[in-house]
């Protein structure tokens, strides 16, 4: 049961990092887009802080993916 809860968190931190790197963007550039500090965004990517829903929606729109993709519920 705990594994089911952790899976979306693990998927989210990996996906937001991979999407950023695939687009050749820095953490600072994405942090600026989200209007937060680079250090806070880094914590989102490492899974040390939960990514707020509003930020997840902004990232999904930015990368043109679904929220389901960000949390690992779909792979396309």
C-alpha atoms as a PDB file:
ATOM      1  CA  UNK A   1       0.000   0.000   0.000  1.00  0.00           C
ATOM      2  CA  UNK A   2       2.793   2.470   0.801  1.00  0.00           C
ATOM      3  CA  UNK A   3       4.365   1.672  -2.566  1.00  0.00           C
ATOM      4  CA  UNK A   4       1.206   2.900  -4.328  1.00  0.00           C
ATOM      5  CA  UNK A   5       1.454   6.203  -2.477  1.00  0.00           C
ATOM      6  CA  UNK A   6       5.147   6.706  -3.275  1.00  0.00           C
ATOM      7  CA  UNK A   7       4.991   5.788  -6.949  1.00  0.00           C
ATOM      8  CA  UNK A   8       3.450   9.097  -8.142  1.00  0.00           C
ATOM      9  CA  UNK A   9       5.975  11.080  -6.072  1.00  0.00           C
ATOM     10  CA  UNK A  10       8.889   9.159  -7.560  1.00  0.00           C
ATOM     11  CA  UNK A  11       7.455   9.471 -11.062  1.00  0.00           C
ATOM     12  CA  UNK A  12       6.838  13.195 -10.632  1.00  0.00           C
ATOM     13  CA  UNK A  13      10.364  14.049  -9.527  1.00  0.00           C
ATOM     14  CA  UNK A  14      11.883  11.962 -12.323  1.00  0.00           C
ATOM     15  CA  UNK A  15       9.551  13.302 -14.990  1.00  0.00           C
ATOM     16  CA  UNK A  16       9.974  16.989 -14.157  1.00  0.00           C
ATOM     17  CA  UNK A  17      13.754  16.573 -14.175  1.00  0.00           C
ATOM     18  CA  UNK A  18      13.750  14.572 -17.416  1.00  0.00           C
ATOM     19  CA  UNK A  19      11.411  17.028 -19.149  1.00  0.00           C
ATOM     20  CA  UNK A  20      13.588  19.963 -18.092  1.00  0.00           C
ATOM     21  CA  UNK A  21      16.752  18.248 -19.289  1.00  0.00           C
ATOM     22  CA  UNK A  22      15.121  17.094 -22.547  1.00  0.00           C
ATOM     23  CA  UNK A  23      14.295  20.747 -23.260  1.00  0.00           C
ATOM     24  CA  UNK A  24      17.853  21.856 -22.373  1.00  0.00           C
ATOM     25  CA  UNK A  25      16.594  24.101 -19.590  1.00  0.00           C
ATOM     26  CA  UNK A  26      18.211  24.980 -16.285  1.00  0.00           C
ATOM     27  CA  UNK A  27      16.562  24.683 -12.915  1.00  0.00           C
ATOM     28  CA  UNK A  28      16.831  28.463 -12.696  1.00  0.00           C
ATOM     29  CA  UNK A  29      14.857  28.923 -15.922  1.00  0.00           C
ATOM     30  CA  UNK A  30      12.029  26.696 -14.696  1.00  0.00           C
ATOM     31  CA  UNK A  31      12.115  28.273 -11.248  1.00  0.00           C
ATOM     32  CA  UNK A  32      11.751  31.689 -12.873  1.00  0.00           C
ATOM     33  CA  UNK A  33       8.783  30.391 -14.892  1.00  0.00           C
ATOM     34  CA  UNK A  34       7.176  29.084 -11.694  1.00  0.00           C
ATOM     35  CA  UNK A  35       8.162  32.287  -9.857  1.00  0.00           C
ATOM     36  CA  UNK A  36      10.081  30.488  -7.114  1.00  0.00           C
ATOM     37  CA  UNK A  37      13.701  30.183  -6.040  1.00  0.00           C
ATOM     38  CA  UNK A  38      15.983  27.742  -7.844  1.00  0.00           C
ATOM     39  CA  UNK A  39      16.721  26.049  -4.515  1.00  0.00           C
ATOM     40  CA  UNK A  40      13.014  25.366  -3.982  1.00  0.00           C
ATOM     41  CA  UNK A  41      12.613  23.993  -7.493  1.00  0.00           C
ATOM     42  CA  UNK A  42      15.631  21.762  -6.894  1.00  0.00           C
ATOM     43  CA  UNK A  43      13.842  20.327  -3.850  1.00  0.00           C
ATOM     44  CA  UNK A  44      10.824  19.540  -6.039  1.00  0.00           C
ATOM     45  CA  UNK A  45      13.050  17.604  -8.433  1.00  0.00           C
ATOM     46  CA  UNK A  46      14.684  15.706  -5.582  1.00  0.00           C
ATOM     47  CA  UNK A  47      11.325  14.932  -3.991  1.00  0.00           C
ATOM     48  CA  UNK A  48      12.246  16.799  -0.813  1.00  0.00           C
ATOM     49  CA  UNK A  49       9.257  19.132  -1.089  1.00  0.00           C
ATOM     50  CA  UNK A  50       5.849  18.376  -2.580  1.00  0.00           C
ATOM     51  CA  UNK A  51       5.165  20.140  -5.862  1.00  0.00           C
ATOM     52  CA  UNK A  52       2.052  22.291  -5.407  1.00  0.00           C
ATOM     53  CA  UNK A  53      -0.825  21.451  -7.730  1.00  0.00           C
ATOM     54  CA  UNK A  54      -0.719  24.930  -9.269  1.00  0.00           C
ATOM     55  CA  UNK A  55       2.956  24.451 -10.174  1.00  0.00           C
ATOM     56  CA  UNK A  56       2.265  20.965 -11.558  1.00  0.00           C
ATOM     57  CA  UNK A  57      -0.468  22.379 -13.795  1.00  0.00           C
ATOM     58  CA  UNK A  58       1.867  25.131 -15.015  1.00  0.00           C
ATOM     59  CA  UNK A  59       4.587  22.596 -15.807  1.00  0.00           C
ATOM     60  CA  UNK A  60       2.160  20.280 -17.593  1.00  0.00           C
ATOM     61  CA  UNK A  61       0.977  23.203 -19.727  1.00  0.00           C
ATOM     62  CA  UNK A  62       4.541  24.382 -20.367  1.00  0.00           C
ATOM     63  CA  UNK A  63       5.735  20.960 -21.514  1.00  0.00           C
ATOM     64  CA  UNK A  64       2.417  20.144 -23.217  1.00  0.00           C
ATOM     65  CA  UNK A  65       1.879  16.958 -21.200  1.00  0.00           C
ATOM     66  CA  UNK A  66      -0.916  15.807 -18.922  1.00  0.00           C
ATOM     67  CA  UNK A  67      -0.868  15.736 -15.152  1.00  0.00           C
ATOM     68  CA  UNK A  68      -1.344  11.977 -15.454  1.00  0.00           C
ATOM     69  CA  UNK A  69       1.938  11.838 -17.373  1.00  0.00           C
ATOM     70  CA  UNK A  70       3.729  13.875 -14.704  1.00  0.00           C
ATOM     71  CA  UNK A  71       2.663  11.493 -11.938  1.00  0.00           C
ATOM     72  CA  UNK A  72       3.307   8.327 -13.937  1.00  0.00           C
ATOM     73  CA  UNK A  73      -0.292   7.302 -14.641  1.00  0.00           C
ATOM     74  CA  UNK A  74       0.342   7.376 -18.391  1.00  0.00           C
ATOM     75  CA  UNK A  75       3.454   7.171 -20.521  1.00  0.00           C
ATOM     76  CA  UNK A  76       2.615   9.183 -23.627  1.00  0.00           C
END
